[in-house]
Structures are given as structure tokens and as C-alpha cells.
């Protein structure tokens, strides 16, 4: 079987989605990000996917990588899904610019 769906499978999917978000928004100012509905939709979808894949990680894996903010990942997904009208673009933008690069490096170090 080519795609064994283990922790590393889901972790790689999370890494790919984070990389997509960072690359897709790297040249955007907050104002440009706020005005681009297509990019906003794609980014929000990727954040949802990240959380869905994080939910598939085993409890042991999550506990052994307790420095990763798993609860914040899930919390952002819940905010996007259940309270979409109150998701502020500046919060998403700041999360992308301030938190995702470090998270990406943390996750990549686990893969190594």
C-alpha cells in the first residue's frame, strides 16, 4: 500500500497545507489579503484541512509533541467553520505571518 495513513502521512499533509498558505500569501499586504475573496476562501479551507488532519494524529503522537499548539489549530478551525461571519481577516493574516512559519519548521523537524 503506497499511502499508509499513519501520523507521518497526516503530518506531511499538514506541512503541505501550511506551505500552500505561506506561499499563496507571501506577497500580500493585510489590505490585499482582506480584499481577495478567492485567496481568503482557499486559506480558510486549508486551515480547516490542517485541523482535520491534526485530528487524525494519534493521542500518543500529540502528547509526545506537546510543544505544537494543537488546541489552537483546532480552535481556529472551529472559529472558521462555526462562526465564519466573525472571522477577522487580520487575525488570519497575523496567524499566517507570525505563527505559521515557526509551526512549519517545528513540524518539518519532526519529519526529519
PDB file of N, CA and C in Angstrom:
ATOM      1  N   UNK A   1       0.847  -1.182   0.000  1.00  0.00           N
ATOM      2  CA  UNK A   1       0.000   0.000   0.000  1.00  0.00           C
ATOM      3  C   UNK A   1       0.884   1.233   0.000  1.00  0.00           C
ATOM      4  N   UNK A   2       0.665   2.120  -0.949  1.00  0.00           N
ATOM      5  CA  UNK A   2       1.522   3.286  -1.108  1.00  0.00           C
ATOM      6  C   UNK A   2       1.324   4.335  -0.017  1.00  0.00           C
ATOM      7  N   UNK A   3       0.096   4.606   0.341  1.00  0.00           N
ATOM      8  CA  UNK A   3      -0.199   5.652   1.321  1.00  0.00           C
ATOM      9  C   UNK A   3      -0.681   5.052   2.627  1.00  0.00           C
ATOM     10  N   UNK A   4       0.267   4.666   3.448  1.00  0.00           N
ATOM     11  CA  UNK A   4      -0.088   4.198   4.780  1.00  0.00           C
ATOM     12  C   UNK A   4      -0.492   5.433   5.569  1.00  0.00           C
ATOM     13  N   UNK A   5      -1.698   5.414   6.073  1.00  0.00           N
ATOM     14  CA  UNK A   5      -2.231   6.599   6.749  1.00  0.00           C
ATOM     15  C   UNK A   5      -1.868   6.553   8.230  1.00  0.00           C
ATOM     16  N   UNK A   6      -0.611   6.892   8.491  1.00  0.00           N
ATOM     17  CA  UNK A   6      -0.114   6.953   9.853  1.00  0.00           C
ATOM     18  C   UNK A   6       0.143   8.409  10.222  1.00  0.00           C
ATOM     19  N   UNK A   7       0.721   8.643  11.376  1.00  0.00           N
ATOM     20  CA  UNK A   7       0.975  10.016  11.833  1.00  0.00           C
ATOM     21  C   UNK A   7       1.785  10.819  10.822  1.00  0.00           C
ATOM     22  N   UNK A   8       2.771  10.184  10.218  1.00  0.00           N
ATOM     23  CA  UNK A   8       3.617  10.919   9.274  1.00  0.00           C
ATOM     24  C   UNK A   8       2.882  11.256   7.988  1.00  0.00           C
ATOM     25  N   UNK A   9       1.967  10.425   7.578  1.00  0.00           N
ATOM     26  CA  UNK A   9       1.124  10.722   6.420  1.00  0.00           C
ATOM     27  C   UNK A   9       0.334  12.013   6.679  1.00  0.00           C
ATOM     28  N   UNK A  10      -0.331  12.082   7.833  1.00  0.00           N
ATOM     29  CA  UNK A  10      -1.130  13.268   8.165  1.00  0.00           C
ATOM     30  C   UNK A  10      -0.253  14.482   8.415  1.00  0.00           C
ATOM     31  N   UNK A  11       0.898  14.263   9.017  1.00  0.00           N
ATOM     32  CA  UNK A  11       1.820  15.366   9.257  1.00  0.00           C
ATOM     33  C   UNK A  11       2.312  15.967   7.934  1.00  0.00           C
ATOM     34  N   UNK A  12       2.597  15.138   6.969  1.00  0.00           N
ATOM     35  CA  UNK A  12       3.024  15.627   5.650  1.00  0.00           C
ATOM     36  C   UNK A  12       1.911  16.434   4.980  1.00  0.00           C
ATOM     37  N   UNK A  13       0.675  15.983   5.128  1.00  0.00           N
ATOM     38  CA  UNK A  13      -0.450  16.737   4.567  1.00  0.00           C
ATOM     39  C   UNK A  13      -0.567  18.104   5.243  1.00  0.00           C
ATOM     40  N   UNK A  14      -0.373  18.150   6.549  1.00  0.00           N
ATOM     41  CA  UNK A  14      -0.410  19.420   7.287  1.00  0.00           C
ATOM     42  C   UNK A  14       0.703  20.337   6.795  1.00  0.00           C
ATOM     43  N   UNK A  15       1.892  19.799   6.650  1.00  0.00           N
ATOM     44  CA  UNK A  15       3.041  20.580   6.167  1.00  0.00           C
ATOM     45  C   UNK A  15       2.753  21.127   4.772  1.00  0.00           C
ATOM     46  N   UNK A  16       2.201  20.319   3.907  1.00  0.00           N
ATOM     47  CA  UNK A  16       1.874  20.781   2.546  1.00  0.00           C
ATOM     48  C   UNK A  16       0.844  21.903   2.571  1.00  0.00           C
ATOM     49  N   UNK A  17      -0.162  21.793   3.429  1.00  0.00           N
ATOM     50  CA  UNK A  17      -1.188  22.836   3.508  1.00  0.00           C
ATOM     51  C   UNK A  17      -0.622  24.130   4.084  1.00  0.00           C
ATOM     52  N   UNK A  18       0.229  24.024   5.089  1.00  0.00           N
ATOM     53  CA  UNK A  18       0.856  25.226   5.653  1.00  0.00           C
ATOM     54  C   UNK A  18       1.739  25.887   4.604  1.00  0.00           C
ATOM     55  N   UNK A  19       2.500  25.088   3.879  1.00  0.00           N
ATOM     56  CA  UNK A  19       3.362  25.623   2.824  1.00  0.00           C
ATOM     57  C   UNK A  19       2.522  26.332   1.767  1.00  0.00           C
ATOM     58  N   UNK A  20       1.400  25.738   1.388  1.00  0.00           N
ATOM     59  CA  UNK A  20       0.495  26.375   0.423  1.00  0.00           C
ATOM     60  C   UNK A  20       0.034  27.739   0.930  1.00  0.00           C
ATOM     61  N   UNK A  21      -0.382  27.800   2.178  1.00  0.00           N
ATOM     62  CA  UNK A  21      -0.868  29.060   2.747  1.00  0.00           C
ATOM     63  C   UNK A  21       0.236  30.117   2.731  1.00  0.00           C
ATOM     64  N   UNK A  22       1.399  29.759   3.193  1.00  0.00           N
ATOM     65  CA  UNK A  22       2.510  30.716   3.254  1.00  0.00           C
ATOM     66  C   UNK A  22       2.886  31.206   1.854  1.00  0.00           C
ATOM     67  N   UNK A  23       3.017  30.281   0.928  1.00  0.00           N
ATOM     68  CA  UNK A  23       3.394  30.648  -0.440  1.00  0.00           C
ATOM     69  C   UNK A  23       2.320  31.478  -1.133  1.00  0.00           C
ATOM     70  N   UNK A  24       1.063  31.165  -0.886  1.00  0.00           N
ATOM     71  CA  UNK A  24      -0.038  31.866  -1.549  1.00  0.00           C
ATOM     72  C   UNK A  24      -0.261  33.274  -1.025  1.00  0.00           C
ATOM     73  N   UNK A  25       0.265  33.558   0.143  1.00  0.00           N
ATOM     74  CA  UNK A  25       0.022  34.869   0.762  1.00  0.00           C
ATOM     75  C   UNK A  25       1.295  35.678   0.981  1.00  0.00           C
ATOM     76  N   UNK A  26       2.418  35.179   0.533  1.00  0.00           N
ATOM     77  CA  UNK A  26       3.693  35.826   0.879  1.00  0.00           C
ATOM     78  C   UNK A  26       3.827  37.246   0.346  1.00  0.00           C
ATOM     79  N   UNK A  27       3.179  37.569  -0.740  1.00  0.00           N
ATOM     80  CA  UNK A  27       3.306  38.913  -1.308  1.00  0.00           C
ATOM     81  C   UNK A  27       2.113  39.810  -1.001  1.00  0.00           C
ATOM     82  N   UNK A  28       1.262  39.374  -0.097  1.00  0.00           N
ATOM     83  CA  UNK A  28       0.051  40.125   0.225  1.00  0.00           C
ATOM     84  C   UNK A  28       0.253  41.019   1.441  1.00  0.00           C
ATOM     85  N   UNK A  29      -0.217  42.241   1.313  1.00  0.00           N
ATOM     86  CA  UNK A  29      -0.372  43.090   2.498  1.00  0.00           C
ATOM     87  C   UNK A  29      -1.683  42.687   3.160  1.00  0.00           C
ATOM     88  N   UNK A  30      -1.928  43.182   4.349  1.00  0.00           N
ATOM     89  CA  UNK A  30      -3.194  42.906   5.023  1.00  0.00           C
ATOM     90  C   UNK A  30      -4.362  43.384   4.175  1.00  0.00           C
ATOM     91  N   UNK A  31      -4.245  44.554   3.599  1.00  0.00           N
ATOM     92  CA  UNK A  31      -5.326  45.110   2.799  1.00  0.00           C
ATOM     93  C   UNK A  31      -5.602  44.252   1.560  1.00  0.00           C
ATOM     94  N   UNK A  32      -4.537  43.826   0.884  1.00  0.00           N
ATOM     95  CA  UNK A  32      -4.702  42.976  -0.299  1.00  0.00           C
ATOM     96  C   UNK A  32      -5.324  41.631   0.078  1.00  0.00           C
ATOM     97  N   UNK A  33      -4.870  41.084   1.191  1.00  0.00           N
ATOM     98  CA  UNK A  33      -5.417  39.823   1.668  1.00  0.00           C
ATOM     99  C   UNK A  33      -6.901  39.966   1.986  1.00  0.00           C
ATOM    100  N   UNK A  34      -7.246  41.049   2.638  1.00  0.00           N
ATOM    101  CA  UNK A  34      -8.630  41.322   3.027  1.00  0.00           C
ATOM    102  C   UNK A  34      -9.545  41.421   1.802  1.00  0.00           C
ATOM    103  N   UNK A  35      -9.023  41.947   0.706  1.00  0.00           N
ATOM    104  CA  UNK A  35      -9.843  42.180  -0.491  1.00  0.00           C
ATOM    105  C   UNK A  35      -9.928  40.994  -1.437  1.00  0.00           C
ATOM    106  N   UNK A  36      -9.073  40.002  -1.267  1.00  0.00           N
ATOM    107  CA  UNK A  36      -9.028  38.880  -2.208  1.00  0.00           C
ATOM    108  C   UNK A  36      -9.858  37.704  -1.684  1.00  0.00           C
ATOM    109  N   UNK A  37     -11.098  37.658  -2.101  1.00  0.00           N
ATOM    110  CA  UNK A  37     -12.026  36.639  -1.617  1.00  0.00           C
ATOM    111  C   UNK A  37     -11.577  35.225  -1.987  1.00  0.00           C
ATOM    112  N   UNK A  38     -11.012  35.067  -3.167  1.00  0.00           N
ATOM    113  CA  UNK A  38     -10.568  33.753  -3.609  1.00  0.00           C
ATOM    114  C   UNK A  38      -9.442  33.220  -2.713  1.00  0.00           C
ATOM    115  N   UNK A  39      -8.461  34.051  -2.443  1.00  0.00           N
ATOM    116  CA  UNK A  39      -7.356  33.636  -1.579  1.00  0.00           C
ATOM    117  C   UNK A  39      -7.860  33.383  -0.157  1.00  0.00           C
ATOM    118  N   UNK A  40      -8.751  34.229   0.327  1.00  0.00           N
ATOM    119  CA  UNK A  40      -9.314  34.023   1.661  1.00  0.00           C
ATOM    120  C   UNK A  40     -10.027  32.686   1.759  1.00  0.00           C
ATOM    121  N   UNK A  41     -10.804  32.363   0.763  1.00  0.00           N
ATOM    122  CA  UNK A  41     -11.525  31.092   0.772  1.00  0.00           C
ATOM    123  C   UNK A  41     -10.562  29.913   0.752  1.00  0.00           C
ATOM    124  N   UNK A  42      -9.550  29.996  -0.083  1.00  0.00           N
ATOM    125  CA  UNK A  42      -8.561  28.920  -0.167  1.00  0.00           C
ATOM    126  C   UNK A  42      -7.810  28.762   1.148  1.00  0.00           C
ATOM    127  N   UNK A  43      -7.405  29.872   1.738  1.00  0.00           N
ATOM    128  CA  UNK A  43      -6.668  29.833   3.004  1.00  0.00           C
ATOM    129  C   UNK A  43      -7.542  29.249   4.111  1.00  0.00           C
ATOM    130  N   UNK A  44      -8.774  29.696   4.197  1.00  0.00           N
ATOM    131  CA  UNK A  44      -9.663  29.165   5.229  1.00  0.00           C
ATOM    132  C   UNK A  44      -9.892  27.667   5.035  1.00  0.00           C
ATOM    133  N   UNK A  45     -10.056  27.231   3.797  1.00  0.00           N
ATOM    134  CA  UNK A  45     -10.210  25.803   3.525  1.00  0.00           C
ATOM    135  C   UNK A  45      -8.972  25.038   3.982  1.00  0.00           C
ATOM    136  N   UNK A  46      -7.799  25.566   3.684  1.00  0.00           N
ATOM    137  CA  UNK A  46      -6.552  24.894   4.089  1.00  0.00           C
ATOM    138  C   UNK A  46      -6.429  24.840   5.601  1.00  0.00           C
ATOM    139  N   UNK A  47      -6.843  25.911   6.303  1.00  0.00           N
ATOM    140  CA  UNK A  47      -6.818  25.870   7.767  1.00  0.00           C
ATOM    141  C   UNK A  47      -7.747  24.769   8.287  1.00  0.00           C
ATOM    142  N   UNK A  48      -8.889  24.616   7.668  1.00  0.00           N
ATOM    143  CA  UNK A  48      -9.814  23.548   8.061  1.00  0.00           C
ATOM    144  C   UNK A  48      -9.170  22.184   7.818  1.00  0.00           C
ATOM    145  N   UNK A  49      -8.539  22.020   6.664  1.00  0.00           N
ATOM    146  CA  UNK A  49      -7.874  20.758   6.344  1.00  0.00           C
ATOM    147  C   UNK A  49      -6.753  20.445   7.335  1.00  0.00           C
ATOM    148  N   UNK A  50      -6.001  21.459   7.714  1.00  0.00           N
ATOM    149  CA  UNK A  50      -4.919  21.274   8.679  1.00  0.00           C
ATOM    150  C   UNK A  50      -5.484  20.699   9.974  1.00  0.00           C
ATOM    151  N   UNK A  51      -6.555  21.283  10.454  1.00  0.00           N
ATOM    152  CA  UNK A  51      -7.162  20.807  11.693  1.00  0.00           C
ATOM    153  C   UNK A  51      -7.737  19.401  11.538  1.00  0.00           C
ATOM    154  N   UNK A  52      -8.389  19.142  10.417  1.00  0.00           N
ATOM    155  CA  UNK A  52      -8.952  17.808  10.196  1.00  0.00           C
ATOM    156  C   UNK A  52      -7.855  16.753  10.203  1.00  0.00           C
ATOM    157  N   UNK A  53      -6.727  17.054   9.585  1.00  0.00           N
ATOM    158  CA  UNK A  53      -5.615  16.103   9.583  1.00  0.00           C
ATOM    159  C   UNK A  53      -4.963  16.001  10.957  1.00  0.00           C
ATOM    160  N   UNK A  54      -4.902  17.101  11.690  1.00  0.00           N
ATOM    161  CA  UNK A  54      -4.374  17.053  13.056  1.00  0.00           C
ATOM    162  C   UNK A  54      -5.246  16.167  13.937  1.00  0.00           C
ATOM    163  N   UNK A  55      -6.546  16.178  13.696  1.00  0.00           N
ATOM    164  CA  UNK A  55      -7.466  15.331  14.461  1.00  0.00           C
ATOM    165  C   UNK A  55      -7.235  13.848  14.204  1.00  0.00           C
ATOM    166  N   UNK A  56      -6.574  13.507  13.125  1.00  0.00           N
ATOM    167  CA  UNK A  56      -6.327  12.108  12.782  1.00  0.00           C
ATOM    168  C   UNK A  56      -5.012  11.589  13.377  1.00  0.00           C
ATOM    169  N   UNK A  57      -4.232  12.482  13.972  1.00  0.00           N
ATOM    170  CA  UNK A  57      -2.997  12.066  14.626  1.00  0.00           C
ATOM    171  C   UNK A  57      -3.341  11.316  15.908  1.00  0.00           C
ATOM    172  N   UNK A  58      -2.502  10.367  16.261  1.00  0.00           N
ATOM    173  CA  UNK A  58      -2.768   9.594  17.470  1.00  0.00           C
ATOM    174  C   UNK A  58      -2.533  10.454  18.713  1.00  0.00           C
ATOM    175  N   UNK A  59      -3.195  10.078  19.777  1.00  0.00           N
ATOM    176  CA  UNK A  59      -3.033  10.780  21.051  1.00  0.00           C
ATOM    177  C   UNK A  59      -1.583  10.723  21.511  1.00  0.00           C
ATOM    178  N   UNK A  60      -0.943   9.575  21.357  1.00  0.00           N
ATOM    179  CA  UNK A  60       0.468   9.446  21.745  1.00  0.00           C
ATOM    180  C   UNK A  60       1.350  10.415  20.967  1.00  0.00           C
ATOM    181  N   UNK A  61       1.080  10.555  19.687  1.00  0.00           N
ATOM    182  CA  UNK A  61       1.856  11.473  18.848  1.00  0.00           C
ATOM    183  C   UNK A  61       1.663  12.910  19.322  1.00  0.00           C
ATOM    184  N   UNK A  62       0.434  13.285  19.577  1.00  0.00           N
ATOM    185  CA  UNK A  62       0.132  14.645  20.031  1.00  0.00           C
ATOM    186  C   UNK A  62       0.795  14.919  21.378  1.00  0.00           C
ATOM    187  N   UNK A  63       0.696  13.962  22.291  1.00  0.00           N
ATOM    188  CA  UNK A  63       1.307  14.138  23.617  1.00  0.00           C
ATOM    189  C   UNK A  63       2.829  14.197  23.536  1.00  0.00           C
ATOM    190  N   UNK A  64       3.412  13.432  22.637  1.00  0.00           N
ATOM    191  CA  UNK A  64       4.874  13.449  22.517  1.00  0.00           C
ATOM    192  C   UNK A  64       5.385  14.692  21.784  1.00  0.00           C
ATOM    193  N   UNK A  65       4.472  15.461  21.204  1.00  0.00           N
ATOM    194  CA  UNK A  65       4.824  16.712  20.534  1.00  0.00           C
ATOM    195  C   UNK A  65       3.992  17.842  21.128  1.00  0.00           C
ATOM    196  N   UNK A  66       4.045  17.926  22.432  1.00  0.00           N
ATOM    197  CA  UNK A  66       3.230  18.874  23.174  1.00  0.00           C
ATOM    198  C   UNK A  66       3.580  20.332  22.966  1.00  0.00           C
ATOM    199  N   UNK A  67       4.722  20.605  22.334  1.00  0.00           N
ATOM    200  CA  UNK A  67       5.095  21.991  22.064  1.00  0.00           C
ATOM    201  C   UNK A  67       4.357  22.556  20.854  1.00  0.00           C
ATOM    202  N   UNK A  68       3.672  21.708  20.120  1.00  0.00           N
ATOM    203  CA  UNK A  68       2.857  22.159  18.991  1.00  0.00           C
ATOM    204  C   UNK A  68       1.499  22.601  19.551  1.00  0.00           C
ATOM    205  N   UNK A  69       1.006  23.762  19.144  1.00  0.00           N
ATOM    206  CA  UNK A  69      -0.271  24.266  19.698  1.00  0.00           C
ATOM    207  C   UNK A  69      -1.494  23.602  19.064  1.00  0.00           C
ATOM    208  N   UNK A  70      -1.656  22.299  19.294  1.00  0.00           N
ATOM    209  CA  UNK A  70      -2.744  21.535  18.679  1.00  0.00           C
ATOM    210  C   UNK A  70      -4.105  22.136  18.998  1.00  0.00           C
ATOM    211  N   UNK A  71      -4.283  22.579  20.240  1.00  0.00           N
ATOM    212  CA  UNK A  71      -5.590  23.141  20.628  1.00  0.00           C
ATOM    213  C   UNK A  71      -5.895  24.434  19.875  1.00  0.00           C
ATOM    214  N   UNK A  72      -4.881  25.227  19.574  1.00  0.00           N
ATOM    215  CA  UNK A  72      -5.102  26.453  18.797  1.00  0.00           C
ATOM    216  C   UNK A  72      -5.425  26.140  17.340  1.00  0.00           C
ATOM    217  N   UNK A  73      -4.805  25.091  16.824  1.00  0.00           N
ATOM    218  CA  UNK A  73      -5.093  24.666  15.457  1.00  0.00           C
ATOM    219  C   UNK A  73      -6.564  24.261  15.351  1.00  0.00           C
ATOM    220  N   UNK A  74      -7.006  23.485  16.301  1.00  0.00           N
ATOM    221  CA  UNK A  74      -8.399  23.042  16.302  1.00  0.00           C
ATOM    222  C   UNK A  74      -9.344  24.207  16.584  1.00  0.00           C
ATOM    223  N   UNK A  75      -8.923  25.107  17.441  1.00  0.00           N
ATOM    224  CA  UNK A  75      -9.754  26.263  17.772  1.00  0.00           C
ATOM    225  C   UNK A  75      -9.980  27.179  16.580  1.00  0.00           C
ATOM    226  N   UNK A  76      -8.932  27.389  15.784  1.00  0.00           N
ATOM    227  CA  UNK A  76      -9.084  28.226  14.599  1.00  0.00           C
ATOM    228  C   UNK A  76     -10.038  27.576  13.602  1.00  0.00           C
ATOM    229  N   UNK A  77      -9.930  26.284  13.432  1.00  0.00           N
ATOM    230  CA  UNK A  77     -10.851  25.561  12.547  1.00  0.00           C
ATOM    231  C   UNK A  77     -12.289  25.744  13.010  1.00  0.00           C
ATOM    232  N   UNK A  78     -12.511  25.593  14.302  1.00  0.00           N
ATOM    233  CA  UNK A  78     -13.870  25.728  14.836  1.00  0.00           C
ATOM    234  C   UNK A  78     -14.405  27.141  14.634  1.00  0.00           C
ATOM    235  N   UNK A  79     -13.546  28.121  14.792  1.00  0.00           N
ATOM    236  CA  UNK A  79     -13.951  29.516  14.577  1.00  0.00           C
ATOM    237  C   UNK A  79     -14.348  29.728  13.112  1.00  0.00           C
ATOM    238  N   UNK A  80     -13.537  29.215  12.194  1.00  0.00           N
ATOM    239  CA  UNK A  80     -13.824  29.377  10.765  1.00  0.00           C
ATOM    240  C   UNK A  80     -15.126  28.666  10.395  1.00  0.00           C
ATOM    241  N   UNK A  81     -15.307  27.454  10.871  1.00  0.00           N
ATOM    242  CA  UNK A  81     -16.456  26.649  10.476  1.00  0.00           C
ATOM    243  C   UNK A  81     -17.751  27.112  11.136  1.00  0.00           C
ATOM    244  N   UNK A  82     -17.691  27.402  12.428  1.00  0.00           N
ATOM    245  CA  UNK A  82     -18.913  27.651  13.180  1.00  0.00           C
ATOM    246  C   UNK A  82     -19.259  29.123  13.369  1.00  0.00           C
ATOM    247  N   UNK A  83     -18.286  29.991  13.115  1.00  0.00           N
ATOM    248  CA  UNK A  83     -18.533  31.422  13.352  1.00  0.00           C
ATOM    249  C   UNK A  83     -17.926  32.234  12.217  1.00  0.00           C
ATOM    250  N   UNK A  84     -18.133  31.746  10.989  1.00  0.00           N
ATOM    251  CA  UNK A  84     -17.451  32.297   9.817  1.00  0.00           C
ATOM    252  C   UNK A  84     -17.646  33.800   9.664  1.00  0.00           C
ATOM    253  N   UNK A  85     -18.832  34.294   9.936  1.00  0.00           N
ATOM    254  CA  UNK A  85     -19.094  35.725   9.761  1.00  0.00           C
ATOM    255  C   UNK A  85     -18.289  36.596  10.718  1.00  0.00           C
ATOM    256  N   UNK A  86     -17.759  35.996  11.768  1.00  0.00           N
ATOM    257  CA  UNK A  86     -16.992  36.757  12.745  1.00  0.00           C
ATOM    258  C   UNK A  86     -15.499  36.447  12.700  1.00  0.00           C
ATOM    259  N   UNK A  87     -15.038  35.839  11.621  1.00  0.00           N
ATOM    260  CA  UNK A  87     -13.609  35.599  11.441  1.00  0.00           C
ATOM    261  C   UNK A  87     -13.000  36.870  10.864  1.00  0.00           C
ATOM    262  N   UNK A  88     -12.091  37.441  11.597  1.00  0.00           N
ATOM    263  CA  UNK A  88     -11.469  38.694  11.170  1.00  0.00           C
ATOM    264  C   UNK A  88     -10.224  38.404  10.344  1.00  0.00           C
ATOM    265  N   UNK A  89     -10.165  39.052   9.179  1.00  0.00           N
ATOM    266  CA  UNK A  89      -9.059  38.803   8.260  1.00  0.00           C
ATOM    267  C   UNK A  89      -7.709  39.149   8.877  1.00  0.00           C
ATOM    268  N   UNK A  90      -7.672  40.147   9.758  1.00  0.00           N
ATOM    269  CA  UNK A  90      -6.386  40.493  10.369  1.00  0.00           C
ATOM    270  C   UNK A  90      -5.892  39.386  11.289  1.00  0.00           C
ATOM    271  N   UNK A  91      -6.801  38.678  11.952  1.00  0.00           N
ATOM    272  CA  UNK A  91      -6.400  37.560  12.813  1.00  0.00           C
ATOM    273  C   UNK A  91      -5.821  36.434  11.961  1.00  0.00           C
ATOM    274  N   UNK A  92      -6.490  36.101  10.869  1.00  0.00           N
ATOM    275  CA  UNK A  92      -5.992  35.067   9.955  1.00  0.00           C
ATOM    276  C   UNK A  92      -4.654  35.501   9.362  1.00  0.00           C
ATOM    277  N   UNK A  93      -4.580  36.737   8.909  1.00  0.00           N
ATOM    278  CA  UNK A  93      -3.357  37.267   8.294  1.00  0.00           C
ATOM    279  C   UNK A  93      -2.200  37.217   9.296  1.00  0.00           C
ATOM    280  N   UNK A  94      -2.431  37.684  10.503  1.00  0.00           N
ATOM    281  CA  UNK A  94      -1.372  37.686  11.520  1.00  0.00           C
ATOM    282  C   UNK A  94      -0.958  36.265  11.894  1.00  0.00           C
ATOM    283  N   UNK A  95      -1.900  35.359  11.919  1.00  0.00           N
ATOM    284  CA  UNK A  95      -1.572  33.957  12.179  1.00  0.00           C
ATOM    285  C   UNK A  95      -0.649  33.428  11.087  1.00  0.00           C
ATOM    286  N   UNK A  96      -0.966  33.759   9.862  1.00  0.00           N
ATOM    287  CA  UNK A  96      -0.134  33.315   8.732  1.00  0.00           C
ATOM    288  C   UNK A  96       1.273  33.892   8.849  1.00  0.00           C
ATOM    289  N   UNK A  97       1.362  35.175   9.070  1.00  0.00           N
ATOM    290  CA  UNK A  97       2.668  35.848   9.056  1.00  0.00           C
ATOM    291  C   UNK A  97       3.488  35.592  10.312  1.00  0.00           C
ATOM    292  N   UNK A  98       2.833  35.501  11.470  1.00  0.00           N
ATOM    293  CA  UNK A  98       3.558  35.418  12.744  1.00  0.00           C
ATOM    294  C   UNK A  98       3.710  33.997  13.280  1.00  0.00           C
ATOM    295  N   UNK A  99       2.774  33.121  12.980  1.00  0.00           N
ATOM    296  CA  UNK A  99       2.798  31.801  13.602  1.00  0.00           C
ATOM    297  C   UNK A  99       3.121  30.649  12.655  1.00  0.00           C
ATOM    298  N   UNK A 100       2.627  30.723  11.435  1.00  0.00           N
ATOM    299  CA  UNK A 100       2.800  29.581  10.537  1.00  0.00           C
ATOM    300  C   UNK A 100       4.245  29.267  10.176  1.00  0.00           C
ATOM    301  N   UNK A 101       5.115  30.255   9.939  1.00  0.00           N
ATOM    302  CA  UNK A 101       6.500  29.878   9.609  1.00  0.00           C
ATOM    303  C   UNK A 101       7.179  29.072  10.716  1.00  0.00           C
ATOM    304  N   UNK A 102       6.987  29.463  11.964  1.00  0.00           N
ATOM    305  CA  UNK A 102       7.576  28.709  13.075  1.00  0.00           C
ATOM    306  C   UNK A 102       6.947  27.330  13.205  1.00  0.00           C
ATOM    307  N   UNK A 103       5.627  27.266  13.065  1.00  0.00           N
ATOM    308  CA  UNK A 103       4.939  25.980  13.132  1.00  0.00           C
ATOM    309  C   UNK A 103       5.435  25.055  12.028  1.00  0.00           C
ATOM    310  N   UNK A 104       5.600  25.584  10.835  1.00  0.00           N
ATOM    311  CA  UNK A 104       6.092  24.800   9.723  1.00  0.00           C
ATOM    312  C   UNK A 104       7.458  24.201  10.047  1.00  0.00           C
ATOM    313  N   UNK A 105       8.343  24.999  10.599  1.00  0.00           N
ATOM    314  CA  UNK A 105       9.680  24.497  10.951  1.00  0.00           C
ATOM    315  C   UNK A 105       9.616  23.445  12.046  1.00  0.00           C
ATOM    316  N   UNK A 106       8.755  23.637  13.024  1.00  0.00           N
ATOM    317  CA  UNK A 106       8.583  22.634  14.081  1.00  0.00           C
ATOM    318  C   UNK A 106       8.121  21.306  13.484  1.00  0.00           C
ATOM    319  N   UNK A 107       7.145  21.366  12.605  1.00  0.00           N
ATOM    320  CA  UNK A 107       6.608  20.140  12.013  1.00  0.00           C
ATOM    321  C   UNK A 107       7.632  19.465  11.104  1.00  0.00           C
ATOM    322  N   UNK A 108       8.377  20.260  10.361  1.00  0.00           N
ATOM    323  CA  UNK A 108       9.423  19.690   9.498  1.00  0.00           C
ATOM    324  C   UNK A 108      10.489  18.996  10.323  1.00  0.00           C
ATOM    325  N   UNK A 109      10.803  19.540  11.489  1.00  0.00           N
ATOM    326  CA  UNK A 109      11.824  18.910  12.338  1.00  0.00           C
ATOM    327  C   UNK A 109      11.349  17.563  12.877  1.00  0.00           C
ATOM    328  N   UNK A 110      10.051  17.390  13.035  1.00  0.00           N
ATOM    329  CA  UNK A 110       9.513  16.096  13.474  1.00  0.00           C
ATOM    330  C   UNK A 110       9.677  15.061  12.368  1.00  0.00           C
ATOM    331  N   UNK A 111       9.470  15.471  11.123  1.00  0.00           N
ATOM    332  CA  UNK A 111       9.591  14.556   9.984  1.00  0.00           C
ATOM    333  C   UNK A 111      11.012  14.042   9.834  1.00  0.00           C
ATOM    334  N   UNK A 112      11.985  14.905  10.130  1.00  0.00           N
ATOM    335  CA  UNK A 112      13.395  14.516   9.949  1.00  0.00           C
ATOM    336  C   UNK A 112      13.785  13.439  10.869  1.00  0.00           C
TER     337      UNK A 112
END
